[in-house]
Amino acid sequence: MKKVFLVVGVLVTMLLLPLFAFADSKPYEVVDVKDGGSIKGKIKSSGPVADPVLDIKKDEAVCGKSVPKQEYIISAANEVKNVLVVVEDVEKGKAIPKTDAVIDNQKCEFVPIVAIAYVGGKYIIKNSDPIFHNTSLGVILGEGKKRTVYNLALPNKDQSIEKPVKVAGLQIVQCDAHSWMRAYVYASKTPYATVTDAKGDFEIKDLLPGKYKVRIWHEGFGEVTKDIEVKAGQATALDHTFTKK
């Protein structure tokens, strides 16, 4: 009977894991990409979506009394910012950028809201506020569940802490001292991940020709997966329109 409960527990845990937990699961090999292709597109909303306003009841002198959540940053043309676009399970390609992921506690918000980090690189966690912040990074395991990667106290203004990026996957960033603060970092084992700009645009370059799965994720809209084919020297179009449920 114990074995039955154990198997059921494992299955339930697997079902709770987001699909992003399985991204970048294979080893990555750096090769010379000649005449590679690209993926280029625009992410939109089917219509305007109101961004929630969060009430603040702590450290108001620094944080203010309310703040836009910045969950739905949508242009007048319904273009969506801060959408994560990841080409999954890429086995080989160009070198990973030597770029660190900066996460700043700034005016009681995390800046940026959505970012890319690269395994093997560094997190640079900063506090630009004259108050105590606590920055916690955790891999998302399911609704309301995470596995802590780092939990860092930054009591001083202009304090900075550097930590290596070791764990791949989608991570939530939170401040234990200020419950409304949150951001997201996707720690990638490959260079083929990006975030949409203010016009909802993205481009992922220098992919070897082949068929790929591309995951498109947004905090509020959710996620979708697209199957595409990249051809040598060509840009493959990949657009998507989210609908608020």
Protein backbone atom coordinates (compact mmCIF):
# COMPACT_ATOMS: atom_id res chain seq x y z
CA MET A 1 0.00 0.00 0.00
CA LYS A 2 2.88 2.37 0.80
CA LYS A 3 4.31 1.75 -2.67
CA VAL A 4 0.97 2.66 -4.25
CA PHE A 5 0.85 5.96 -2.34
CA LEU A 6 4.47 6.64 -3.29
CA VAL A 7 3.76 6.13 -7.01
CA VAL A 8 0.65 8.30 -6.85
CA GLY A 9 2.59 11.02 -5.03
CA VAL A 10 5.29 11.02 -7.68
CA LEU A 11 2.72 11.24 -10.47
CA VAL A 12 0.92 14.13 -8.79
CA THR A 13 4.22 15.97 -8.31
CA MET A 14 5.08 15.51 -12.00
CA LEU A 15 1.70 16.87 -13.03
CA LEU A 16 2.28 19.96 -10.92
CA LEU A 17 5.57 20.75 -12.59
CA PRO A 18 5.30 23.46 -15.25
CA LEU A 19 6.47 22.51 -18.70
CA PHE A 20 9.30 25.01 -18.31
CA ALA A 21 10.86 22.70 -15.73
CA PHE A 22 11.81 20.37 -18.59
CA ALA A 23 13.25 23.01 -20.91
CA ASP A 24 16.94 22.79 -21.81
CA SER A 25 17.10 19.22 -20.51
CA LYS A 26 19.75 17.96 -22.96
CA PRO A 27 23.48 18.82 -22.96
CA TYR A 28 24.38 21.80 -25.15
CA GLU A 29 27.31 21.77 -27.59
CA VAL A 30 28.87 24.98 -28.92
CA VAL A 31 29.54 24.83 -32.67
CA ASP A 32 30.30 27.27 -35.47
CA VAL A 33 26.94 28.34 -36.91
CA LYS A 34 27.33 29.27 -40.57
CA ASP A 35 24.38 30.58 -42.57
CA GLY A 36 22.06 30.04 -39.62
CA GLY A 37 18.41 30.97 -39.58
CA SER A 38 16.39 33.09 -37.19
CA ILE A 39 12.98 33.33 -35.57
CA LYS A 40 11.29 36.70 -35.62
CA GLY A 41 7.85 37.71 -34.49
CA LYS A 42 5.39 39.85 -32.58
CA ILE A 43 3.26 38.96 -29.57
CA LYS A 44 -0.08 40.72 -29.16
CA SER A 45 -3.20 40.70 -27.05
CA SER A 46 -6.61 40.27 -28.65
CA GLY A 47 -7.66 43.46 -26.89
CA PRO A 48 -6.80 45.91 -24.10
CA VAL A 49 -6.28 44.46 -20.61
CA ALA A 50 -6.27 46.63 -17.50
CA ASP A 51 -3.13 46.35 -15.42
CA PRO A 52 -3.90 45.84 -11.70
CA VAL A 53 -2.90 48.52 -9.17
CA LEU A 54 -1.37 47.20 -5.96
CA ASP A 55 -1.93 48.89 -2.60
CA ILE A 56 1.15 49.47 -0.46
CA LYS A 57 1.01 49.56 3.34
CA LYS A 58 4.69 49.38 4.25
CA ASP A 59 7.60 51.79 3.82
CA GLU A 60 5.28 54.24 2.07
CA ALA A 61 7.84 57.04 2.31
CA VAL A 62 10.01 55.15 -0.20
CA CYS A 63 7.51 52.88 -1.93
CA GLY A 64 4.49 55.16 -2.22
CA LYS A 65 0.91 54.18 -1.46
CA SER A 66 0.19 52.23 -4.65
CA VAL A 67 2.02 50.89 -7.68
CA PRO A 68 1.01 49.43 -11.07
CA LYS A 69 1.59 45.68 -11.03
CA GLN A 70 3.14 45.83 -14.53
CA GLU A 71 1.69 42.41 -15.29
CA TYR A 72 -0.02 43.62 -18.47
CA ILE A 73 2.21 46.13 -20.23
CA ILE A 74 0.32 46.49 -23.50
CA SER A 75 0.72 49.19 -26.14
CA ALA A 76 -2.11 51.09 -27.83
CA ALA A 77 -1.75 48.60 -30.69
CA ASN A 78 -2.20 45.68 -28.22
CA GLU A 79 1.49 44.68 -28.39
CA VAL A 80 2.65 42.83 -25.28
CA LYS A 81 5.90 43.52 -23.44
CA ASN A 82 7.72 41.03 -21.17
CA VAL A 83 6.72 37.85 -22.97
CA LEU A 84 9.31 35.10 -22.61
CA VAL A 85 10.18 33.24 -25.82
CA VAL A 86 12.34 30.11 -25.54
CA VAL A 87 13.51 27.64 -28.18
CA GLU A 88 13.45 24.34 -26.30
CA ASP A 89 15.88 21.41 -26.26
CA VAL A 90 18.45 22.95 -28.60
CA GLU A 91 21.34 20.49 -28.62
CA LYS A 92 23.95 22.62 -30.35
CA GLY A 93 24.51 26.11 -31.67
CA LYS A 94 26.36 29.37 -31.06
CA ALA A 95 28.20 30.28 -27.88
CA ILE A 96 26.27 31.44 -24.84
CA PRO A 97 26.55 35.21 -24.23
CA LYS A 98 28.84 36.31 -21.42
CA THR A 99 26.08 38.48 -20.01
CA ASP A 100 25.14 38.72 -16.35
CA ALA A 101 21.53 39.04 -15.17
CA VAL A 102 21.02 42.19 -13.12
CA ILE A 103 18.09 42.24 -10.70
CA ASP A 104 17.63 45.62 -9.02
CA ASN A 105 15.39 46.45 -6.06
CA GLN A 106 14.37 49.90 -7.27
CA LYS A 107 11.57 52.00 -5.76
CA CYS A 108 10.16 48.84 -4.21
CA GLU A 109 9.91 47.07 -7.56
CA PHE A 110 12.18 44.58 -9.27
CA VAL A 111 13.81 45.89 -12.42
CA PRO A 112 13.43 44.29 -14.90
CA ILE A 113 10.17 42.38 -14.43
CA VAL A 114 11.23 39.59 -16.82
CA ALA A 115 14.85 38.75 -17.62
CA ILE A 116 17.12 36.12 -19.15
CA ALA A 117 20.06 34.60 -17.26
CA TYR A 118 22.55 32.09 -18.60
CA VAL A 119 23.75 29.04 -16.70
CA GLY A 120 27.44 29.58 -16.09
CA GLY A 121 26.99 33.34 -15.81
CA LYS A 122 26.12 35.43 -12.78
CA TYR A 123 23.21 37.06 -11.03
CA ILE A 124 23.96 40.57 -9.84
CA ILE A 125 21.40 41.40 -7.16
CA LYS A 126 21.24 45.11 -6.24
CA ASN A 127 19.41 47.30 -3.76
CA SER A 128 18.95 50.86 -4.97
CA ASP A 129 16.56 51.76 -2.12
CA PRO A 130 17.42 53.18 1.32
CA ILE A 131 15.44 50.39 3.02
CA PHE A 132 15.84 46.69 3.72
CA HIS A 133 15.03 44.29 0.89
CA ASN A 134 15.23 40.51 0.82
CA THR A 135 15.61 38.96 -2.63
CA SER A 136 14.58 35.33 -3.02
CA LEU A 137 14.92 33.35 -6.27
CA GLY A 138 13.10 30.05 -6.65
CA VAL A 139 12.42 27.60 -9.47
CA ILE A 140 8.66 27.44 -10.07
CA LEU A 141 7.31 23.96 -9.38
CA GLY A 142 3.60 24.62 -9.71
CA GLU A 143 0.86 26.97 -8.53
CA GLY A 144 2.24 28.72 -5.46
CA LYS A 145 5.18 26.31 -5.15
CA LYS A 146 8.88 26.87 -5.69
CA ARG A 147 12.29 25.42 -4.87
CA THR A 148 14.53 28.12 -3.42
CA VAL A 149 17.75 28.81 -5.32
CA TYR A 150 18.95 31.89 -3.40
CA ASN A 151 17.59 33.88 -0.47
CA LEU A 152 19.60 37.07 -0.02
CA ALA A 153 19.30 39.93 2.47
CA LEU A 154 20.22 43.41 1.19
CA PRO A 155 19.81 45.81 4.11
CA ASN A 156 21.86 48.68 2.70
CA LYS A 157 21.33 51.16 -0.14
CA ASP A 158 23.54 50.50 -3.18
CA GLN A 159 24.44 47.06 -1.86
CA SER A 160 25.20 44.42 -4.52
CA ILE A 161 25.57 40.64 -4.27
CA GLU A 162 26.88 38.37 -7.04
CA LYS A 163 25.87 34.71 -7.28
CA PRO A 164 26.51 32.08 -9.97
CA VAL A 165 23.66 30.92 -12.20
CA LYS A 166 23.61 27.17 -11.62
CA VAL A 167 19.98 26.06 -11.87
CA ALA A 168 18.13 26.18 -15.21
CA GLY A 169 14.45 26.97 -15.64
CA LEU A 170 11.84 29.62 -14.94
CA GLN A 171 12.36 31.28 -11.57
CA ILE A 172 10.25 33.71 -9.58
CA VAL A 173 11.96 36.58 -7.76
CA GLN A 174 10.33 37.83 -4.57
CA CYS A 175 11.03 40.16 -1.65
CA ASP A 176 10.04 38.68 1.69
CA ALA A 177 9.94 42.18 3.20
CA HIS A 178 7.53 43.57 0.57
CA SER A 179 4.92 41.04 -0.51
CA TRP A 180 3.84 42.83 -3.70
CA MET A 181 7.30 42.70 -5.28
CA ARG A 182 7.93 39.98 -7.86
CA ALA A 183 9.80 39.37 -11.10
CA TYR A 184 10.76 36.40 -13.27
CA VAL A 185 14.08 35.13 -14.58
CA TYR A 186 14.52 32.35 -17.11
CA ALA A 187 17.89 30.69 -16.55
CA SER A 188 18.88 29.14 -19.89
CA LYS A 189 21.52 26.61 -20.86
CA THR A 190 21.47 27.92 -24.45
CA PRO A 191 21.55 31.38 -26.05
CA TYR A 192 18.16 30.86 -27.67
CA ALA A 193 15.83 32.67 -25.27
CA THR A 194 14.60 36.26 -25.23
CA VAL A 195 11.94 38.68 -23.94
CA THR A 196 9.63 40.85 -26.06
CA ASP A 197 10.15 44.60 -26.11
CA ALA A 198 7.57 47.39 -25.69
CA LYS A 199 6.24 46.72 -29.23
CA GLY A 200 5.85 43.00 -28.58
CA ASP A 201 8.74 42.21 -30.91
CA PHE A 202 11.40 39.55 -30.50
CA GLU A 203 14.14 37.96 -32.60
CA ILE A 204 16.27 34.88 -31.95
CA LYS A 205 19.25 34.61 -34.30
CA ASP A 206 21.83 32.08 -35.49
CA LEU A 207 19.90 28.84 -35.17
CA LEU A 208 21.02 25.77 -37.05
CA PRO A 209 18.46 24.69 -39.65
CA GLY A 210 15.92 22.24 -38.28
CA LYS A 211 12.59 21.75 -36.55
CA TYR A 212 12.07 23.25 -33.11
CA LYS A 213 9.51 23.75 -30.38
CA VAL A 214 9.16 27.32 -29.17
CA ARG A 215 7.50 28.09 -25.87
CA ILE A 216 5.84 31.48 -25.40
CA TRP A 217 5.12 32.44 -21.78
CA HIS A 218 3.51 35.42 -20.08
CA GLU A 219 2.74 35.88 -16.40
CA GLY A 220 -0.89 36.79 -16.95
CA PHE A 221 -1.83 35.23 -20.29
CA GLY A 222 -0.19 31.84 -19.69
CA GLU A 223 1.84 29.83 -22.19
CA VAL A 224 1.65 28.17 -25.59
CA THR A 225 4.00 25.98 -27.63
CA LYS A 226 4.61 26.41 -31.35
CA ASP A 227 6.27 23.97 -33.76
CA ILE A 228 8.41 25.71 -36.35
CA GLU A 229 11.06 24.96 -38.96
CA VAL A 230 14.13 27.14 -39.33
CA LYS A 231 15.82 27.25 -42.73
CA ALA A 232 19.39 28.28 -43.52
CA GLY A 233 19.84 32.01 -44.02
CA GLN A 234 16.14 32.74 -43.57
CA ALA A 235 13.95 34.35 -40.94
CA THR A 236 11.01 32.23 -39.79
CA ALA A 237 7.97 34.29 -38.77
CA LEU A 238 6.39 33.42 -35.44
CA ASP A 239 3.55 35.66 -34.28
CA HIS A 240 1.02 34.94 -31.56
CA THR A 241 -2.04 36.67 -30.12
CA PHE A 242 -3.03 35.99 -26.53
CA THR A 243 -6.63 36.19 -25.32
CA LYS A 244 -7.31 37.03 -21.68
CA LYS A 245 -9.37 34.26 -20.11
